[in-house]
Amino acid sequence: MADSSPADHTTARLAALESGQTAMNQALGLMLDTLQQQTNLLREIAAAVKDDPGPSPIIQSLDELTGAVVQMGAGIEALRSEVSDLPDAISAAMDGSAPPEARTAGEES
């Protein structure tokens, strides 16, 4: 019976983390697509409501809702970026080297 080496365990663990990250990236991508579709529809609704004469509280509400959806999309995009950087950061930590963003920041100083 052969024991698996720490390197084999690390490789398997990194592969599992990468698989999880891929699934999260796909889910975040779908969320972003959905939010973009909602944003487009809200803009269309707001434009249609604005065609009616006179001020409307519906327009203000739609504008606020559209802004909230856009802001949420930006937050999800930022999260997606952070998740995308995880494998490099984990590998760097396991190798004992600085993560790529830390090396870049150190080089700019």
N, C-alpha and C. Protein backbone atom coordinates (compact mmCIF):
# COMPACT_ATOMS: atom_id res chain seq x y z
N MET A 1 0.85 -1.17 0.00
CA MET A 1 0.00 0.00 0.00
C MET A 1 0.89 1.24 0.00
N ALA A 2 0.75 2.10 -1.00
CA ALA A 2 1.60 3.28 -1.12
C ALA A 2 0.91 4.48 -0.49
N ASP A 3 1.70 5.20 0.31
CA ASP A 3 1.17 6.44 0.90
C ASP A 3 1.31 7.55 -0.12
N SER A 4 0.33 8.43 -0.15
CA SER A 4 0.44 9.56 -1.06
C SER A 4 1.33 10.62 -0.41
N SER A 5 2.14 11.24 -1.24
CA SER A 5 3.07 12.25 -0.73
C SER A 5 2.33 13.56 -0.49
N PRO A 6 2.93 14.44 0.33
CA PRO A 6 2.32 15.76 0.54
C PRO A 6 2.12 16.53 -0.77
N ALA A 7 3.07 16.34 -1.70
CA ALA A 7 2.94 17.03 -2.99
C ALA A 7 1.71 16.54 -3.75
N ASP A 8 1.45 15.21 -3.69
CA ASP A 8 0.26 14.66 -4.35
C ASP A 8 -1.01 15.21 -3.73
N HIS A 9 -1.02 15.29 -2.40
CA HIS A 9 -2.18 15.83 -1.70
C HIS A 9 -2.38 17.30 -2.06
N THR A 10 -1.29 18.05 -2.12
CA THR A 10 -1.37 19.48 -2.47
C THR A 10 -1.89 19.65 -3.89
N THR A 11 -1.38 18.84 -4.80
CA THR A 11 -1.82 18.92 -6.19
C THR A 11 -3.31 18.60 -6.31
N ALA A 12 -3.74 17.57 -5.61
CA ALA A 12 -5.16 17.21 -5.64
C ALA A 12 -6.02 18.31 -5.03
N ARG A 13 -5.55 18.88 -3.95
CA ARG A 13 -6.31 19.96 -3.28
C ARG A 13 -6.40 21.19 -4.17
N LEU A 14 -5.28 21.54 -4.82
CA LEU A 14 -5.31 22.70 -5.73
C LEU A 14 -6.24 22.44 -6.91
N ALA A 15 -6.26 21.22 -7.41
CA ALA A 15 -7.17 20.88 -8.52
C ALA A 15 -8.62 21.02 -8.07
N ALA A 16 -8.91 20.60 -6.84
CA ALA A 16 -10.28 20.73 -6.32
C ALA A 16 -10.64 22.20 -6.14
N LEU A 17 -9.70 23.00 -5.65
CA LEU A 17 -9.96 24.44 -5.49
C LEU A 17 -10.17 25.11 -6.84
N GLU A 18 -9.38 24.72 -7.83
CA GLU A 18 -9.53 25.29 -9.16
C GLU A 18 -10.89 24.93 -9.76
N SER A 19 -11.32 23.70 -9.54
CA SER A 19 -12.63 23.27 -10.02
C SER A 19 -13.74 24.09 -9.36
N GLY A 20 -13.62 24.29 -8.06
CA GLY A 20 -14.60 25.10 -7.34
C GLY A 20 -14.61 26.53 -7.83
N GLN A 21 -13.42 27.06 -8.09
CA GLN A 21 -13.32 28.44 -8.57
C GLN A 21 -13.96 28.57 -9.95
N THR A 22 -13.76 27.57 -10.79
CA THR A 22 -14.37 27.59 -12.13
C THR A 22 -15.89 27.62 -12.01
N ALA A 23 -16.42 26.80 -11.13
CA ALA A 23 -17.88 26.77 -10.92
C ALA A 23 -18.37 28.13 -10.39
N MET A 24 -17.63 28.72 -9.45
CA MET A 24 -18.04 30.04 -8.92
C MET A 24 -17.97 31.10 -10.01
N ASN A 25 -16.93 31.06 -10.84
CA ASN A 25 -16.82 32.03 -11.93
C ASN A 25 -17.99 31.90 -12.90
N GLN A 26 -18.39 30.67 -13.19
CA GLN A 26 -19.53 30.45 -14.08
C GLN A 26 -20.81 30.99 -13.45
N ALA A 27 -21.00 30.73 -12.17
CA ALA A 27 -22.19 31.23 -11.48
C ALA A 27 -22.19 32.75 -11.44
N LEU A 28 -21.05 33.34 -11.14
CA LEU A 28 -20.97 34.80 -11.11
C LEU A 28 -21.22 35.39 -12.50
N GLY A 29 -20.72 34.71 -13.52
CA GLY A 29 -20.97 35.17 -14.89
C GLY A 29 -22.46 35.16 -15.22
N LEU A 30 -23.15 34.09 -14.81
CA LEU A 30 -24.60 34.03 -15.03
C LEU A 30 -25.32 35.13 -14.27
N MET A 31 -24.87 35.40 -13.04
CA MET A 31 -25.49 36.47 -12.25
C MET A 31 -25.28 37.82 -12.94
N LEU A 32 -24.08 38.05 -13.46
CA LEU A 32 -23.81 39.31 -14.16
C LEU A 32 -24.66 39.43 -15.42
N ASP A 33 -24.80 38.34 -16.15
CA ASP A 33 -25.64 38.36 -17.36
C ASP A 33 -27.09 38.71 -16.99
N THR A 34 -27.58 38.08 -15.92
CA THR A 34 -28.96 38.34 -15.48
C THR A 34 -29.13 39.78 -15.05
N LEU A 35 -28.16 40.29 -14.29
CA LEU A 35 -28.24 41.69 -13.85
C LEU A 35 -28.19 42.65 -15.04
N GLN A 36 -27.40 42.32 -16.05
CA GLN A 36 -27.33 43.18 -17.23
C GLN A 36 -28.67 43.18 -17.97
N GLN A 37 -29.30 42.00 -18.07
CA GLN A 37 -30.61 41.93 -18.71
C GLN A 37 -31.64 42.73 -17.92
N GLN A 38 -31.59 42.62 -16.59
CA GLN A 38 -32.50 43.39 -15.76
C GLN A 38 -32.26 44.89 -15.93
N THR A 39 -31.01 45.28 -15.98
CA THR A 39 -30.67 46.70 -16.17
C THR A 39 -31.24 47.20 -17.49
N ASN A 40 -31.05 46.41 -18.55
CA ASN A 40 -31.56 46.82 -19.86
C ASN A 40 -33.08 46.95 -19.84
N LEU A 41 -33.76 45.98 -19.22
CA LEU A 41 -35.22 46.05 -19.14
C LEU A 41 -35.68 47.24 -18.31
N LEU A 42 -35.01 47.49 -17.19
CA LEU A 42 -35.38 48.64 -16.36
C LEU A 42 -35.20 49.96 -17.12
N ARG A 43 -34.14 50.04 -17.90
CA ARG A 43 -33.93 51.26 -18.70
C ARG A 43 -35.02 51.42 -19.76
N GLU A 44 -35.42 50.30 -20.37
CA GLU A 44 -36.51 50.36 -21.34
C GLU A 44 -37.82 50.81 -20.68
N ILE A 45 -38.11 50.25 -19.52
CA ILE A 45 -39.33 50.63 -18.79
C ILE A 45 -39.27 52.10 -18.41
N ALA A 46 -38.13 52.54 -17.90
CA ALA A 46 -37.98 53.94 -17.50
C ALA A 46 -38.16 54.86 -18.70
N ALA A 47 -37.60 54.48 -19.84
CA ALA A 47 -37.75 55.30 -21.05
C ALA A 47 -39.21 55.36 -21.48
N ALA A 48 -39.93 54.24 -21.39
CA ALA A 48 -41.34 54.22 -21.77
C ALA A 48 -42.17 55.08 -20.82
N VAL A 49 -41.86 55.02 -19.54
CA VAL A 49 -42.62 55.81 -18.56
C VAL A 49 -42.35 57.30 -18.76
N LYS A 50 -41.14 57.64 -19.14
CA LYS A 50 -40.78 59.05 -19.34
C LYS A 50 -41.52 59.67 -20.52
N ASP A 51 -42.02 58.83 -21.44
CA ASP A 51 -42.76 59.34 -22.60
C ASP A 51 -44.09 59.96 -22.18
N ASP A 52 -44.62 59.53 -21.03
CA ASP A 52 -45.88 60.10 -20.53
C ASP A 52 -45.61 61.50 -19.99
N PRO A 53 -46.53 62.44 -20.21
CA PRO A 53 -46.31 63.80 -19.69
C PRO A 53 -46.41 63.86 -18.17
N GLY A 54 -45.67 64.79 -17.60
CA GLY A 54 -45.74 65.04 -16.16
C GLY A 54 -44.76 64.19 -15.36
N PRO A 55 -44.42 64.71 -14.18
CA PRO A 55 -43.49 63.98 -13.31
C PRO A 55 -44.15 62.71 -12.75
N SER A 56 -43.33 61.74 -12.47
CA SER A 56 -43.86 60.48 -11.97
C SER A 56 -42.92 59.90 -10.92
N PRO A 57 -43.47 59.51 -9.77
CA PRO A 57 -42.62 58.86 -8.77
C PRO A 57 -42.12 57.49 -9.26
N ILE A 58 -42.81 56.93 -10.25
CA ILE A 58 -42.39 55.64 -10.81
C ILE A 58 -41.03 55.80 -11.49
N ILE A 59 -40.84 56.92 -12.19
CA ILE A 59 -39.57 57.16 -12.87
C ILE A 59 -38.43 57.19 -11.85
N GLN A 60 -38.62 57.91 -10.77
CA GLN A 60 -37.58 58.00 -9.75
C GLN A 60 -37.29 56.62 -9.17
N SER A 61 -38.33 55.86 -8.88
CA SER A 61 -38.14 54.51 -8.33
C SER A 61 -37.40 53.61 -9.31
N LEU A 62 -37.77 53.68 -10.59
CA LEU A 62 -37.09 52.87 -11.60
C LEU A 62 -35.63 53.28 -11.75
N ASP A 63 -35.36 54.58 -11.71
CA ASP A 63 -33.98 55.05 -11.78
C ASP A 63 -33.17 54.55 -10.59
N GLU A 64 -33.76 54.59 -9.39
CA GLU A 64 -33.07 54.10 -8.20
C GLU A 64 -32.85 52.59 -8.27
N LEU A 65 -33.85 51.87 -8.74
CA LEU A 65 -33.73 50.42 -8.88
C LEU A 65 -32.65 50.06 -9.90
N THR A 66 -32.65 50.78 -11.01
CA THR A 66 -31.62 50.55 -12.03
C THR A 66 -30.24 50.80 -11.45
N GLY A 67 -30.08 51.88 -10.71
CA GLY A 67 -28.80 52.19 -10.08
C GLY A 67 -28.36 51.09 -9.11
N ALA A 68 -29.31 50.57 -8.35
CA ALA A 68 -28.99 49.50 -7.40
C ALA A 68 -28.55 48.23 -8.13
N VAL A 69 -29.23 47.89 -9.23
CA VAL A 69 -28.86 46.70 -9.99
C VAL A 69 -27.47 46.88 -10.61
N VAL A 70 -27.19 48.06 -11.13
CA VAL A 70 -25.87 48.34 -11.70
C VAL A 70 -24.79 48.24 -10.62
N GLN A 71 -25.06 48.79 -9.45
CA GLN A 71 -24.11 48.74 -8.35
C GLN A 71 -23.87 47.29 -7.91
N MET A 72 -24.93 46.49 -7.83
CA MET A 72 -24.80 45.09 -7.46
C MET A 72 -23.96 44.35 -8.50
N GLY A 73 -24.18 44.66 -9.76
CA GLY A 73 -23.40 44.03 -10.82
C GLY A 73 -21.92 44.36 -10.70
N ALA A 74 -21.62 45.61 -10.36
CA ALA A 74 -20.22 46.01 -10.17
C ALA A 74 -19.61 45.26 -8.99
N GLY A 75 -20.37 45.07 -7.94
CA GLY A 75 -19.88 44.32 -6.78
C GLY A 75 -19.61 42.87 -7.13
N ILE A 76 -20.50 42.27 -7.91
CA ILE A 76 -20.30 40.88 -8.31
C ILE A 76 -19.10 40.77 -9.24
N GLU A 77 -18.92 41.74 -10.11
CA GLU A 77 -17.76 41.73 -10.99
C GLU A 77 -16.46 41.83 -10.19
N ALA A 78 -16.46 42.66 -9.14
CA ALA A 78 -15.28 42.76 -8.27
C ALA A 78 -15.03 41.44 -7.56
N LEU A 79 -16.09 40.80 -7.08
CA LEU A 79 -15.96 39.49 -6.43
C LEU A 79 -15.42 38.46 -7.41
N ARG A 80 -15.91 38.49 -8.62
CA ARG A 80 -15.44 37.56 -9.65
C ARG A 80 -13.95 37.73 -9.89
N SER A 81 -13.49 38.97 -9.91
CA SER A 81 -12.07 39.25 -10.10
C SER A 81 -11.25 38.69 -8.94
N GLU A 82 -11.74 38.90 -7.72
CA GLU A 82 -11.03 38.39 -6.54
C GLU A 82 -10.96 36.86 -6.57
N VAL A 83 -12.06 36.22 -6.92
CA VAL A 83 -12.09 34.76 -6.99
C VAL A 83 -11.13 34.27 -8.06
N SER A 84 -11.03 34.99 -9.16
CA SER A 84 -10.12 34.60 -10.24
C SER A 84 -8.66 34.64 -9.79
N ASP A 85 -8.34 35.51 -8.83
CA ASP A 85 -6.97 35.63 -8.35
C ASP A 85 -6.61 34.60 -7.27
N LEU A 86 -7.61 33.87 -6.77
CA LEU A 86 -7.37 32.92 -5.67
C LEU A 86 -6.33 31.85 -5.98
N PRO A 87 -6.40 31.16 -7.12
CA PRO A 87 -5.41 30.09 -7.35
C PRO A 87 -3.97 30.60 -7.30
N ASP A 88 -3.71 31.75 -7.91
CA ASP A 88 -2.35 32.29 -7.88
C ASP A 88 -1.93 32.64 -6.46
N ALA A 89 -2.84 33.22 -5.70
CA ALA A 89 -2.52 33.59 -4.32
C ALA A 89 -2.28 32.35 -3.47
N ILE A 90 -3.10 31.32 -3.66
CA ILE A 90 -2.91 30.09 -2.89
C ILE A 90 -1.61 29.41 -3.28
N SER A 91 -1.33 29.33 -4.56
CA SER A 91 -0.07 28.72 -5.01
C SER A 91 1.13 29.49 -4.48
N ALA A 92 1.06 30.81 -4.53
CA ALA A 92 2.16 31.62 -4.02
C ALA A 92 2.35 31.40 -2.53
N ALA A 93 1.25 31.31 -1.80
CA ALA A 93 1.34 31.08 -0.35
C ALA A 93 1.94 29.71 -0.06
N MET A 94 1.56 28.73 -0.84
CA MET A 94 2.07 27.38 -0.62
C MET A 94 3.55 27.27 -1.01
N ASP A 95 3.96 28.07 -2.00
CA ASP A 95 5.36 28.08 -2.42
C ASP A 95 6.21 28.95 -1.51
N GLY A 96 5.56 29.74 -0.66
CA GLY A 96 6.29 30.64 0.23
C GLY A 96 6.70 31.94 -0.43
N SER A 97 6.15 32.23 -1.60
CA SER A 97 6.46 33.49 -2.27
C SER A 97 5.31 34.46 -2.10
N ALA A 98 5.57 35.73 -2.42
CA ALA A 98 4.54 36.75 -2.30
C ALA A 98 3.52 36.57 -3.41
N PRO A 99 2.22 36.83 -3.11
CA PRO A 99 1.20 36.77 -4.18
C PRO A 99 1.51 37.77 -5.28
N PRO A 100 1.02 37.54 -6.50
CA PRO A 100 1.34 38.44 -7.63
C PRO A 100 1.04 39.91 -7.34
N GLU A 101 -0.11 40.21 -6.68
CA GLU A 101 -0.43 41.62 -6.43
C GLU A 101 0.53 42.24 -5.43
N ALA A 102 1.06 41.45 -4.50
CA ALA A 102 2.02 41.97 -3.52
C ALA A 102 3.35 42.25 -4.20
N ARG A 103 3.74 41.36 -5.14
CA ARG A 103 4.99 41.59 -5.87
C ARG A 103 4.86 42.84 -6.72
N THR A 104 3.72 43.01 -7.38
CA THR A 104 3.50 44.17 -8.23
C THR A 104 3.55 45.45 -7.40
N ALA A 105 2.87 45.44 -6.24
CA ALA A 105 2.86 46.61 -5.38
C ALA A 105 4.26 46.92 -4.88
N GLY A 106 5.03 45.90 -4.55
CA GLY A 106 6.39 46.11 -4.09
C GLY A 106 7.29 46.66 -5.16
N GLU A 107 7.05 46.24 -6.41
CA GLU A 107 7.85 46.73 -7.51
C GLU A 107 7.54 48.18 -7.82
N GLU A 108 6.31 48.62 -7.56
CA GLU A 108 5.93 50.01 -7.86
C GLU A 108 6.46 50.97 -6.82
N SER A 109 6.75 50.49 -5.61
CA SER A 109 7.21 51.36 -4.54
C SER A 109 8.60 51.85 -4.79
